[in-house]
Amino acid sequence: MSEQTKNENDFREDQREAIRVLRAGGIILYPTDTVWGIGCDATNPEAVSRIYELKHRAAAKSMLVLVCDTAQAERFTDDGEEIAFQLLEESVTPLTVIFDRARGLAPNLVADDGSIGMRLSRERYSSGLCRGLRRPVVSTSANISGTPAPALFQEIAPEIVEGVDYVARYRRDDTHRAAPSAIIKVSKGGVIRIIRE
């Protein structure tokens, strides 16, 4: 077996195990298109609660979700504006779009006003999780609330690593620091508000 084939097999096995844990209601530590994240099935309120507890984060602060394509985004939003889906699909850099109304997601994941932030991930590992789970995956930075978000695996606090059910093996040695995503809110009538550039 070539090294390339072995690496591909290891990647697939790693991703399959992460998806298995997500389906079982567990929480995972995984690389995204921006920083390392803590994730779970975005439709599972118990798993969402565990992430809030692990991060020592107030449940009033909603978390965003990753999707693998615009069809998945459309399934979990109500009355989303067409321009919002176009922006998700066409953005060449990570972009989080806040939709006015979430649908079918864990109630404790959604903001008090019913909105939800979504990002279409083009990063191989995290996108594959959403595709394999067939549902959005929660993505919140892998840090204790109030401390810096870890761009690299080595920067993640031991409390976080030990508090999840599965830690992805992929990209643990990666030293590339990705920038956080831009954030925009798209409201009824296609009104766009820039939250973070």
Protein backbone atom coordinates (compact mmCIF):
# COMPACT_ATOMS: atom_id res chain seq x y z
CA MET A 1 0.00 0.00 0.00
CA SER A 2 1.37 3.42 -0.95
CA GLU A 3 1.80 6.16 1.65
CA GLN A 4 -0.84 8.23 -0.14
CA THR A 5 -3.36 5.37 0.00
CA LYS A 6 -2.61 4.79 3.69
CA ASN A 7 -3.07 8.49 4.46
CA GLU A 8 -6.39 8.50 2.59
CA ASN A 9 -7.58 5.40 4.44
CA ASP A 10 -6.58 6.96 7.78
CA PHE A 11 -8.45 10.15 6.87
CA ARG A 12 -11.62 8.26 5.94
CA GLU A 13 -11.49 6.14 9.11
CA ASP A 14 -10.95 9.24 11.26
CA GLN A 15 -13.92 10.98 9.63
CA ARG A 16 -16.15 7.89 9.90
CA GLU A 17 -15.42 7.60 13.62
CA ALA A 18 -16.24 11.29 14.17
CA ILE A 19 -19.55 10.85 12.33
CA ARG A 20 -20.35 7.75 14.40
CA VAL A 21 -19.80 9.77 17.60
CA LEU A 22 -21.96 12.63 16.30
CA ARG A 23 -24.79 10.22 15.43
CA ALA A 24 -24.58 8.74 18.93
CA GLY A 25 -25.10 12.19 20.47
CA GLY A 26 -21.46 12.81 21.35
CA ILE A 27 -19.33 15.93 21.02
CA ILE A 28 -16.11 16.13 19.03
CA LEU A 29 -13.01 18.30 18.65
CA TYR A 30 -12.23 18.89 14.98
CA PRO A 31 -10.49 21.18 12.46
CA THR A 32 -12.65 23.57 10.44
CA ASP A 33 -12.11 26.09 7.65
CA THR A 34 -11.13 28.64 10.33
CA VAL A 35 -10.05 27.58 13.85
CA TRP A 36 -10.31 24.25 15.69
CA GLY A 37 -13.88 23.72 16.82
CA ILE A 38 -16.07 21.77 19.21
CA GLY A 39 -19.00 20.20 17.43
CA CYS A 40 -22.10 18.06 17.73
CA ASP A 41 -25.24 17.21 15.82
CA ALA A 42 -26.96 20.60 15.56
CA THR A 43 -30.38 18.97 16.06
CA ASN A 44 -29.46 17.36 19.41
CA PRO A 45 -30.24 19.67 22.39
CA GLU A 46 -28.48 17.44 24.96
CA ALA A 47 -25.23 17.48 22.98
CA VAL A 48 -25.55 21.26 22.51
CA SER A 49 -25.93 21.66 26.29
CA ARG A 50 -22.75 19.66 26.87
CA ILE A 51 -20.80 22.07 24.64
CA TYR A 52 -22.07 25.09 26.58
CA GLU A 53 -21.02 23.39 29.82
CA LEU A 54 -17.58 22.42 28.50
CA LYS A 55 -16.89 25.98 27.31
CA HIS A 56 -18.36 27.58 30.48
CA ARG A 57 -20.44 29.61 28.06
CA ALA A 58 -23.80 31.21 28.76
CA ALA A 59 -26.57 29.39 26.90
CA ALA A 60 -27.94 32.80 25.88
CA LYS A 61 -25.00 33.08 23.43
CA SER A 62 -25.96 31.07 20.36
CA MET A 63 -23.40 29.06 18.36
CA LEU A 64 -23.10 28.79 14.60
CA VAL A 65 -23.43 25.67 12.47
CA LEU A 66 -21.54 24.35 9.46
CA VAL A 67 -23.32 23.00 6.39
CA CYS A 68 -21.93 21.12 3.39
CA ASP A 69 -24.00 22.89 0.73
CA THR A 70 -26.79 25.41 0.22
CA ALA A 71 -29.43 22.65 0.04
CA GLN A 72 -28.56 21.70 3.61
CA ALA A 73 -28.72 25.36 4.66
CA GLU A 74 -32.16 25.72 3.06
CA ARG A 75 -33.52 22.66 4.91
CA PHE A 76 -32.72 24.21 8.28
CA THR A 77 -33.88 27.79 7.73
CA ASP A 78 -37.33 29.33 7.29
CA ASP A 79 -37.90 31.98 4.63
CA GLY A 80 -34.19 32.44 3.91
CA GLU A 81 -33.47 35.14 1.32
CA GLU A 82 -32.08 33.92 -2.01
CA ILE A 83 -29.17 36.38 -1.78
CA ALA A 84 -28.09 34.73 1.51
CA PHE A 85 -27.77 31.32 -0.15
CA GLN A 86 -25.94 32.85 -3.11
CA LEU A 87 -23.44 34.53 -0.79
CA LEU A 88 -22.85 31.25 1.06
CA GLU A 89 -22.25 29.40 -2.19
CA GLU A 90 -20.11 31.98 -3.95
CA SER A 91 -17.89 33.24 -1.14
CA VAL A 92 -14.26 32.22 -1.70
CA THR A 93 -13.30 32.91 1.93
CA PRO A 94 -15.07 31.66 5.08
CA LEU A 95 -18.36 33.54 5.49
CA THR A 96 -20.93 33.12 8.25
CA VAL A 97 -24.43 34.22 7.27
CA ILE A 98 -26.97 34.90 10.02
CA PHE A 99 -30.47 33.89 8.93
CA ASP A 100 -33.55 35.38 10.61
CA ARG A 101 -35.27 32.06 11.29
CA ALA A 102 -33.84 28.62 12.05
CA ARG A 103 -35.87 25.46 11.48
CA GLY A 104 -35.39 21.96 12.89
CA LEU A 105 -32.29 22.78 14.95
CA ALA A 106 -31.86 22.27 18.70
CA PRO A 107 -33.84 25.07 20.44
CA ASN A 108 -30.93 25.84 22.80
CA LEU A 109 -28.66 26.40 19.80
CA VAL A 110 -30.79 29.12 18.25
CA ALA A 111 -30.56 32.77 19.38
CA ASP A 112 -33.40 34.25 21.44
CA ASP A 113 -34.71 36.06 18.35
CA GLY A 114 -34.86 32.76 16.40
CA SER A 115 -31.84 33.50 14.21
CA ILE A 116 -28.96 31.15 13.40
CA GLY A 117 -25.49 31.64 11.93
CA MET A 118 -24.48 29.22 9.15
CA ARG A 119 -21.26 28.75 7.26
CA LEU A 120 -20.76 26.57 4.20
CA SER A 121 -17.48 24.79 4.89
CA ARG A 122 -15.21 23.91 1.99
CA GLU A 123 -12.62 22.38 4.30
CA ARG A 124 -12.43 18.67 3.56
CA TYR A 125 -12.86 17.23 7.04
CA SER A 126 -15.62 19.45 8.43
CA SER A 127 -17.60 19.49 5.19
CA GLY A 128 -17.49 15.69 5.14
CA LEU A 129 -18.90 15.57 8.67
CA CYS A 130 -21.98 17.57 7.61
CA ARG A 131 -22.40 15.42 4.51
CA GLY A 132 -21.99 12.14 6.39
CA LEU A 133 -24.28 13.16 9.26
CA ARG A 134 -26.80 14.62 6.76
CA ARG A 135 -27.37 17.46 9.20
CA PRO A 136 -25.56 20.67 10.17
CA VAL A 137 -22.73 20.35 12.70
CA VAL A 138 -22.28 22.85 15.52
CA SER A 139 -19.03 24.79 15.19
CA THR A 140 -17.82 26.83 18.12
CA SER A 141 -14.18 27.65 18.84
CA ALA A 142 -12.42 25.05 20.97
CA ASN A 143 -11.74 27.29 23.94
CA ILE A 144 -13.06 28.16 27.38
CA SER A 145 -15.35 31.17 26.98
CA GLY A 146 -13.36 34.40 27.26
CA THR A 147 -10.00 32.89 26.24
CA PRO A 148 -8.43 33.11 22.74
CA ALA A 149 -9.77 30.82 20.00
CA PRO A 150 -7.14 28.17 19.08
CA ALA A 151 -5.97 28.33 15.48
CA LEU A 152 -3.72 25.29 16.09
CA PHE A 153 -4.36 21.99 17.86
CA GLN A 154 -1.41 22.62 20.20
CA GLU A 155 -3.16 25.72 21.55
CA ILE A 156 -6.25 23.87 22.80
CA ALA A 157 -6.58 23.67 26.60
CA PRO A 158 -6.33 20.13 28.09
CA GLU A 159 -9.76 20.63 29.71
CA ILE A 160 -11.30 20.91 26.25
CA VAL A 161 -9.41 17.93 24.80
CA GLU A 162 -10.38 15.74 27.75
CA GLY A 163 -14.00 16.93 27.78
CA VAL A 164 -15.04 15.71 24.32
CA ASP A 165 -15.93 12.19 23.15
CA TYR A 166 -13.68 12.17 20.09
CA VAL A 167 -10.64 14.16 18.93
CA ALA A 168 -9.98 14.26 15.19
CA ARG A 169 -6.53 13.05 14.17
CA TYR A 170 -6.56 15.03 10.92
CA ARG A 171 -4.49 18.26 10.83
CA ARG A 172 -3.18 18.01 14.39
CA ASP A 173 0.29 18.93 13.12
CA ASP A 174 -0.94 21.73 10.85
CA THR A 175 0.80 25.06 11.54
CA HIS A 176 -1.27 27.18 9.15
CA ARG A 177 -3.26 29.89 10.96
CA ALA A 178 -6.56 30.62 9.23
CA ALA A 179 -8.42 33.88 9.81
CA PRO A 180 -11.86 33.91 11.46
CA SER A 181 -14.81 34.11 9.10
CA ALA A 182 -16.53 37.30 8.06
CA ILE A 183 -20.07 37.57 9.48
CA ILE A 184 -23.09 39.14 7.82
CA LYS A 185 -26.80 39.17 8.66
CA VAL A 186 -29.31 38.87 5.84
CA SER A 187 -32.85 39.91 6.78
CA LYS A 188 -36.19 40.03 5.00
CA GLY A 189 -36.07 41.88 1.72
CA GLY A 190 -32.40 40.97 1.25
CA VAL A 191 -31.17 43.62 3.68
CA ILE A 192 -27.49 42.88 4.45
CA ARG A 193 -25.72 44.06 7.59
CA ILE A 194 -21.98 43.46 8.07
CA ILE A 195 -21.25 42.19 11.59
CA ARG A 196 -17.53 41.37 11.12
CA GLU A 197 -15.37 41.92 8.04
